Amino acid sequence: MADIPGEFPPWQTVYWYYRQWVKDGTWDNINRLLIANNRMMEDKEWQPTTAIIDSQTTKNTSTST
């Protein structure tokens, strides 16, 4: 846990706030707002209108090892 910059509080304090923010949805809200802000700075709509989902299929048999 020594990767936290020196100007931050002790890692236990940082972790406590992080866990609270995950539980109450604050972390998701921050992420969503940062994405929306970035999209608007790129002259895009704040929310994507479409999504592309890509998947890969791997063949498998019951005797594969």
PDB file of N, CA and C in Angstrom:
ATOM      1  N   MET A   1       0.810  -1.195   0.000  1.00  0.00           N
ATOM      2  CA  MET A   1       0.000   0.000   0.000  1.00  0.00           C
ATOM      3  C   MET A   1       0.855   1.261   0.000  1.00  0.00           C
ATOM      4  N   ALA A   2       2.115   1.137  -0.305  1.00  0.00           N
ATOM      5  CA  ALA A   2       3.028   2.276  -0.285  1.00  0.00           C
ATOM      6  C   ALA A   2       2.977   3.087  -1.578  1.00  0.00           C
ATOM      7  N   ASP A   3       2.051   2.779  -2.496  1.00  0.00           N
ATOM      8  CA  ASP A   3       1.982   3.487  -3.766  1.00  0.00           C
ATOM      9  C   ASP A   3       1.181   4.781  -3.697  1.00  0.00           C
ATOM     10  N   ILE A   4       0.650   5.126  -2.537  1.00  0.00           N
ATOM     11  CA  ILE A   4      -0.114   6.353  -2.387  1.00  0.00           C
ATOM     12  C   ILE A   4       0.871   7.512  -2.194  1.00  0.00           C
ATOM     13  N   PRO A   5       0.686   8.616  -2.936  1.00  0.00           N
ATOM     14  CA  PRO A   5       1.597   9.755  -2.787  1.00  0.00           C
ATOM     15  C   PRO A   5       1.642  10.278  -1.348  1.00  0.00           C
ATOM     16  N   GLY A   6       2.753  10.855  -0.977  1.00  0.00           N
ATOM     17  CA  GLY A   6       2.981  11.315   0.379  1.00  0.00           C
ATOM     18  C   GLY A   6       2.012  12.376   0.872  1.00  0.00           C
ATOM     19  N   GLU A   7       1.430  13.163  -0.043  1.00  0.00           N
ATOM     20  CA  GLU A   7       0.510  14.214   0.384  1.00  0.00           C
ATOM     21  C   GLU A   7      -0.880  13.684   0.714  1.00  0.00           C
ATOM     22  N   PHE A   8      -1.114  12.401   0.475  1.00  0.00           N
ATOM     23  CA  PHE A   8      -2.392  11.774   0.824  1.00  0.00           C
ATOM     24  C   PHE A   8      -2.380  11.353   2.287  1.00  0.00           C
ATOM     25  N   PRO A   9      -3.571  11.168   2.868  1.00  0.00           N
ATOM     26  CA  PRO A   9      -3.626  10.632   4.237  1.00  0.00           C
ATOM     27  C   PRO A   9      -3.143   9.182   4.252  1.00  0.00           C
ATOM     28  N   PRO A  10      -3.040   8.564   5.417  1.00  0.00           N
ATOM     29  CA  PRO A  10      -2.643   7.156   5.480  1.00  0.00           C
ATOM     30  C   PRO A  10      -3.545   6.282   4.606  1.00  0.00           C
ATOM     31  N   TRP A  11      -2.996   5.191   4.084  1.00  0.00           N
ATOM     32  CA  TRP A  11      -3.738   4.355   3.136  1.00  0.00           C
ATOM     33  C   TRP A  11      -5.035   3.843   3.735  1.00  0.00           C
ATOM     34  N   GLN A  12      -5.075   3.603   5.032  1.00  0.00           N
ATOM     35  CA  GLN A  12      -6.293   3.099   5.658  1.00  0.00           C
ATOM     36  C   GLN A  12      -7.435   4.115   5.530  1.00  0.00           C
ATOM     37  N   THR A  13      -7.102   5.384   5.647  1.00  0.00           N
ATOM     38  CA  THR A  13      -8.103   6.436   5.506  1.00  0.00           C
ATOM     39  C   THR A  13      -8.591   6.523   4.063  1.00  0.00           C
ATOM     40  N   VAL A  14      -7.650   6.484   3.134  1.00  0.00           N
ATOM     41  CA  VAL A  14      -8.001   6.534   1.707  1.00  0.00           C
ATOM     42  C   VAL A  14      -8.891   5.344   1.361  1.00  0.00           C
ATOM     43  N   TYR A  15      -8.521   4.167   1.822  1.00  0.00           N
ATOM     44  CA  TYR A  15      -9.295   2.960   1.533  1.00  0.00           C
ATOM     45  C   TYR A  15     -10.691   3.043   2.144  1.00  0.00           C
ATOM     46  N   TRP A  16     -10.787   3.576   3.360  1.00  0.00           N
ATOM     47  CA  TRP A  16     -12.096   3.694   4.014  1.00  0.00           C
ATOM     48  C   TRP A  16     -13.017   4.565   3.168  1.00  0.00           C
ATOM     49  N   TYR A  17     -12.536   5.709   2.713  1.00  0.00           N
ATOM     50  CA  TYR A  17     -13.362   6.585   1.882  1.00  0.00           C
ATOM     51  C   TYR A  17     -13.715   5.907   0.563  1.00  0.00           C
ATOM     52  N   TYR A  18     -12.750   5.248  -0.041  1.00  0.00           N
ATOM     53  CA  TYR A  18     -13.017   4.539  -1.297  1.00  0.00           C
ATOM     54  C   TYR A  18     -14.144   3.531  -1.115  1.00  0.00           C
ATOM     55  N   ARG A  19     -14.099   2.707  -0.070  1.00  0.00           N
ATOM     56  CA  ARG A  19     -15.134   1.701   0.183  1.00  0.00           C
ATOM     57  C   ARG A  19     -16.498   2.359   0.422  1.00  0.00           C
ATOM     58  N   GLN A  20     -16.507   3.465   1.154  1.00  0.00           N
ATOM     59  CA  GLN A  20     -17.777   4.172   1.395  1.00  0.00           C
ATOM     60  C   GLN A  20     -18.353   4.688   0.086  1.00  0.00           C
ATOM     61  N   TRP A  21     -17.488   5.250  -0.746  1.00  0.00           N
ATOM     62  CA  TRP A  21     -17.949   5.804  -2.019  1.00  0.00           C
ATOM     63  C   TRP A  21     -18.424   4.710  -2.968  1.00  0.00           C
ATOM     64  N   VAL A  22     -17.812   3.544  -2.932  1.00  0.00           N
ATOM     65  CA  VAL A  22     -18.286   2.425  -3.751  1.00  0.00           C
ATOM     66  C   VAL A  22     -19.666   1.982  -3.266  1.00  0.00           C
ATOM     67  N   LYS A  23     -19.809   1.861  -1.960  1.00  0.00           N
ATOM     68  CA  LYS A  23     -21.083   1.397  -1.389  1.00  0.00           C
ATOM     69  C   LYS A  23     -22.230   2.354  -1.669  1.00  0.00           C
ATOM     70  N   ASP A  24     -21.988   3.662  -1.574  1.00  0.00           N
ATOM     71  CA  ASP A  24     -23.099   4.606  -1.726  1.00  0.00           C
ATOM     72  C   ASP A  24     -23.272   5.141  -3.152  1.00  0.00           C
ATOM     73  N   GLY A  25     -22.457   4.650  -4.102  1.00  0.00           N
ATOM     74  CA  GLY A  25     -22.611   5.031  -5.502  1.00  0.00           C
ATOM     75  C   GLY A  25     -21.834   6.265  -5.920  1.00  0.00           C
ATOM     76  N   THR A  26     -21.147   6.904  -4.983  1.00  0.00           N
ATOM     77  CA  THR A  26     -20.382   8.110  -5.317  1.00  0.00           C
ATOM     78  C   THR A  26     -19.317   7.818  -6.361  1.00  0.00           C
ATOM     79  N   TRP A  27     -18.625   6.684  -6.228  1.00  0.00           N
ATOM     80  CA  TRP A  27     -17.546   6.334  -7.171  1.00  0.00           C
ATOM     81  C   TRP A  27     -18.095   6.192  -8.589  1.00  0.00           C
ATOM     82  N   ASP A  28     -19.252   5.537  -8.740  1.00  0.00           N
ATOM     83  CA  ASP A  28     -19.877   5.397 -10.063  1.00  0.00           C
ATOM     84  C   ASP A  28     -20.298   6.754 -10.616  1.00  0.00           C
ATOM     85  N   ASN A  29     -20.822   7.626  -9.747  1.00  0.00           N
ATOM     86  CA  ASN A  29     -21.221   8.961 -10.199  1.00  0.00           C
ATOM     87  C   ASN A  29     -20.022   9.769 -10.677  1.00  0.00           C
ATOM     88  N   ILE A  30     -18.922   9.701  -9.949  1.00  0.00           N
ATOM     89  CA  ILE A  30     -17.707  10.412 -10.373  1.00  0.00           C
ATOM     90  C   ILE A  30     -17.257   9.899 -11.736  1.00  0.00           C
ATOM     91  N   ASN A  31     -17.230   8.591 -11.903  1.00  0.00           N
ATOM     92  CA  ASN A  31     -16.808   7.999 -13.171  1.00  0.00           C
ATOM     93  C   ASN A  31     -17.728   8.432 -14.306  1.00  0.00           C
ATOM     94  N   ARG A  32     -19.041   8.368 -14.085  1.00  0.00           N
ATOM     95  CA  ARG A  32     -19.998   8.742 -15.126  1.00  0.00           C
ATOM     96  C   ARG A  32     -19.845  10.214 -15.506  1.00  0.00           C
ATOM     97  N   LEU A  33     -19.659  11.091 -14.510  1.00  0.00           N
ATOM     98  CA  LEU A  33     -19.509  12.516 -14.801  1.00  0.00           C
ATOM     99  C   LEU A  33     -18.206  12.818 -15.536  1.00  0.00           C
ATOM    100  N   LEU A  34     -17.131  12.132 -15.185  1.00  0.00           N
ATOM    101  CA  LEU A  34     -15.865  12.327 -15.897  1.00  0.00           C
ATOM    102  C   LEU A  34     -15.973  11.886 -17.350  1.00  0.00           C
ATOM    103  N   ILE A  35     -16.639  10.769 -17.588  1.00  0.00           N
ATOM    104  CA  ILE A  35     -16.837  10.302 -18.968  1.00  0.00           C
ATOM    105  C   ILE A  35     -17.684  11.292 -19.746  1.00  0.00           C
ATOM    106  N   ALA A  36     -18.790  11.756 -19.146  1.00  0.00           N
ATOM    107  CA  ALA A  36     -19.670  12.717 -19.809  1.00  0.00           C
ATOM    108  C   ALA A  36     -18.912  14.006 -20.122  1.00  0.00           C
ATOM    109  N   ASN A  37     -18.124  14.494 -19.173  1.00  0.00           N
ATOM    110  CA  ASN A  37     -17.354  15.712 -19.384  1.00  0.00           C
ATOM    111  C   ASN A  37     -16.352  15.536 -20.522  1.00  0.00           C
ATOM    112  N   ASN A  38     -15.674  14.391 -20.551  1.00  0.00           N
ATOM    113  CA  ASN A  38     -14.709  14.118 -21.613  1.00  0.00           C
ATOM    114  C   ASN A  38     -15.405  14.075 -22.965  1.00  0.00           C
ATOM    115  N   ARG A  39     -16.563  13.423 -23.034  1.00  0.00           N
ATOM    116  CA  ARG A  39     -17.292  13.336 -24.302  1.00  0.00           C
ATOM    117  C   ARG A  39     -17.724  14.719 -24.773  1.00  0.00           C
ATOM    118  N   MET A  40     -18.191  15.557 -23.859  1.00  0.00           N
ATOM    119  CA  MET A  40     -18.632  16.899 -24.241  1.00  0.00           C
ATOM    120  C   MET A  40     -17.459  17.744 -24.716  1.00  0.00           C
ATOM    121  N   MET A  41     -16.282  17.558 -24.113  1.00  0.00           N
ATOM    122  CA  MET A  41     -15.095  18.284 -24.564  1.00  0.00           C
ATOM    123  C   MET A  41     -14.688  17.862 -25.970  1.00  0.00           C
ATOM    124  N   GLU A  42     -15.068  16.647 -26.359  1.00  0.00           N
ATOM    125  CA  GLU A  42     -14.775  16.142 -27.712  1.00  0.00           C
ATOM    126  C   GLU A  42     -15.918  16.446 -28.679  1.00  0.00           C
ATOM    127  N   ASP A  43     -16.847  17.323 -28.257  1.00  0.00           N
ATOM    128  CA  ASP A  43     -18.021  17.688 -29.067  1.00  0.00           C
ATOM    129  C   ASP A  43     -18.897  16.490 -29.409  1.00  0.00           C
ATOM    130  N   LYS A  44     -19.038  15.599 -28.460  1.00  0.00           N
ATOM    131  CA  LYS A  44     -19.928  14.454 -28.612  1.00  0.00           C
ATOM    132  C   LYS A  44     -21.067  14.605 -27.616  1.00  0.00           C
ATOM    133  N   GLU A  45     -22.147  13.873 -27.860  1.00  0.00           N
ATOM    134  CA  GLU A  45     -23.227  13.837 -26.887  1.00  0.00           C
ATOM    135  C   GLU A  45     -22.686  13.293 -25.577  1.00  0.00           C
ATOM    136  N   TRP A  46     -23.229  13.750 -24.448  1.00  0.00           N
ATOM    137  CA  TRP A  46     -22.696  13.342 -23.148  1.00  0.00           C
ATOM    138  C   TRP A  46     -22.873  11.861 -22.889  1.00  0.00           C
ATOM    139  N   GLN A  47     -23.845  11.248 -23.553  1.00  0.00           N
ATOM    140  CA  GLN A  47     -24.092   9.821 -23.372  1.00  0.00           C
ATOM    141  C   GLN A  47     -24.082   9.151 -24.743  1.00  0.00           C
ATOM    142  N   PRO A  48     -23.375   8.036 -24.888  1.00  0.00           N
ATOM    143  CA  PRO A  48     -23.359   7.357 -26.183  1.00  0.00           C
ATOM    144  C   PRO A  48     -24.767   6.915 -26.584  1.00  0.00           C
ATOM    145  N   THR A  49     -25.047   6.934 -27.883  1.00  0.00           N
ATOM    146  CA  THR A  49     -26.360   6.509 -28.361  1.00  0.00           C
ATOM    147  C   THR A  49     -26.356   5.052 -28.803  1.00  0.00           C
ATOM    148  N   THR A  50     -25.180   4.500 -29.045  1.00  0.00           N
ATOM    149  CA  THR A  50     -25.072   3.097 -29.447  1.00  0.00           C
ATOM    150  C   THR A  50     -23.903   2.448 -28.714  1.00  0.00           C
ATOM    151  N   ALA A  51     -23.912   1.151 -28.743  1.00  0.00           N
ATOM    152  CA  ALA A  51     -22.801   0.394 -28.158  1.00  0.00           C
ATOM    153  C   ALA A  51     -22.482  -0.775 -29.064  1.00  0.00           C
ATOM    154  N   ILE A  52     -21.234  -1.128 -29.116  1.00  0.00           N
ATOM    155  CA  ILE A  52     -20.787  -2.278 -29.892  1.00  0.00           C
ATOM    156  C   ILE A  52     -20.234  -3.294 -28.914  1.00  0.00           C
ATOM    157  N   ILE A  53     -20.780  -4.476 -28.981  1.00  0.00           N
ATOM    158  CA  ILE A  53     -20.311  -5.549 -28.109  1.00  0.00           C
ATOM    159  C   ILE A  53     -19.664  -6.598 -28.987  1.00  0.00           C
ATOM    160  N   ASP A  54     -18.431  -6.913 -28.680  1.00  0.00           N
ATOM    161  CA  ASP A  54     -17.673  -7.880 -29.457  1.00  0.00           C
ATOM    162  C   ASP A  54     -17.400  -9.089 -28.576  1.00  0.00           C
ATOM    163  N   SER A  55     -17.552 -10.247 -29.163  1.00  0.00           N
ATOM    164  CA  SER A  55     -17.247 -11.454 -28.399  1.00  0.00           C
ATOM    165  C   SER A  55     -16.477 -12.414 -29.275  1.00  0.00           C
ATOM    166  N   GLN A  56     -15.830 -13.339 -28.632  1.00  0.00           N
ATOM    167  CA  GLN A  56     -15.052 -14.335 -29.353  1.00  0.00           C
ATOM    168  C   GLN A  56     -15.512 -15.704 -28.873  1.00  0.00           C
ATOM    169  N   THR A  57     -15.734 -16.576 -29.815  1.00  0.00           N
ATOM    170  CA  THR A  57     -16.155 -17.923 -29.478  1.00  0.00           C
ATOM    171  C   THR A  57     -14.970 -18.856 -29.616  1.00  0.00           C
ATOM    172  N   THR A  58     -14.757 -19.668 -28.618  1.00  0.00           N
ATOM    173  CA  THR A  58     -13.693 -20.659 -28.656  1.00  0.00           C
ATOM    174  C   THR A  58     -14.312 -22.035 -28.712  1.00  0.00           C
ATOM    175  N   LYS A  59     -13.901 -22.804 -29.712  1.00  0.00           N
ATOM    176  CA  LYS A  59     -14.424 -24.154 -29.819  1.00  0.00           C
ATOM    177  C   LYS A  59     -13.864 -25.001 -28.682  1.00  0.00           C
ATOM    178  N   ASN A  60     -14.713 -25.874 -28.193  1.00  0.00           N
ATOM    179  CA  ASN A  60     -14.308 -26.726 -27.094  1.00  0.00           C
ATOM    180  C   ASN A  60     -15.056 -28.047 -27.213  1.00  0.00           C
ATOM    181  N   THR A  61     -14.443 -29.100 -26.749  1.00  0.00           N
ATOM    182  CA  THR A  61     -15.109 -30.394 -26.723  1.00  0.00           C
ATOM    183  C   THR A  61     -15.006 -30.960 -25.332  1.00  0.00           C
ATOM    184  N   SER A  62     -15.774 -31.952 -25.041  1.00  0.00           N
ATOM    185  CA  SER A  62     -15.733 -32.541 -23.707  1.00  0.00           C
ATOM    186  C   SER A  62     -14.430 -33.280 -23.446  1.00  0.00           C
ATOM    187  N   THR A  63     -13.656 -33.559 -24.505  1.00  0.00           N
ATOM    188  CA  THR A  63     -12.390 -34.273 -24.321  1.00  0.00           C
ATOM    189  C   THR A  63     -11.179 -33.362 -24.431  1.00  0.00           C
ATOM    190  N   SER A  64     -11.396 -32.066 -24.511  1.00  0.00           N
ATOM    191  CA  SER A  64     -10.245 -31.169 -24.640  1.00  0.00           C
ATOM    192  C   SER A  64      -9.435 -31.153 -23.360  1.00  0.00           C
ATOM    193  N   THR A  65      -8.147 -30.907 -23.508  1.00  0.00           N
ATOM    194  CA  THR A  65      -7.271 -30.861 -22.329  1.00  0.00           C
ATOM    195  C   THR A  65      -6.617 -29.531 -22.204  1.00  0.00           C
TER     196      THR A  65
END
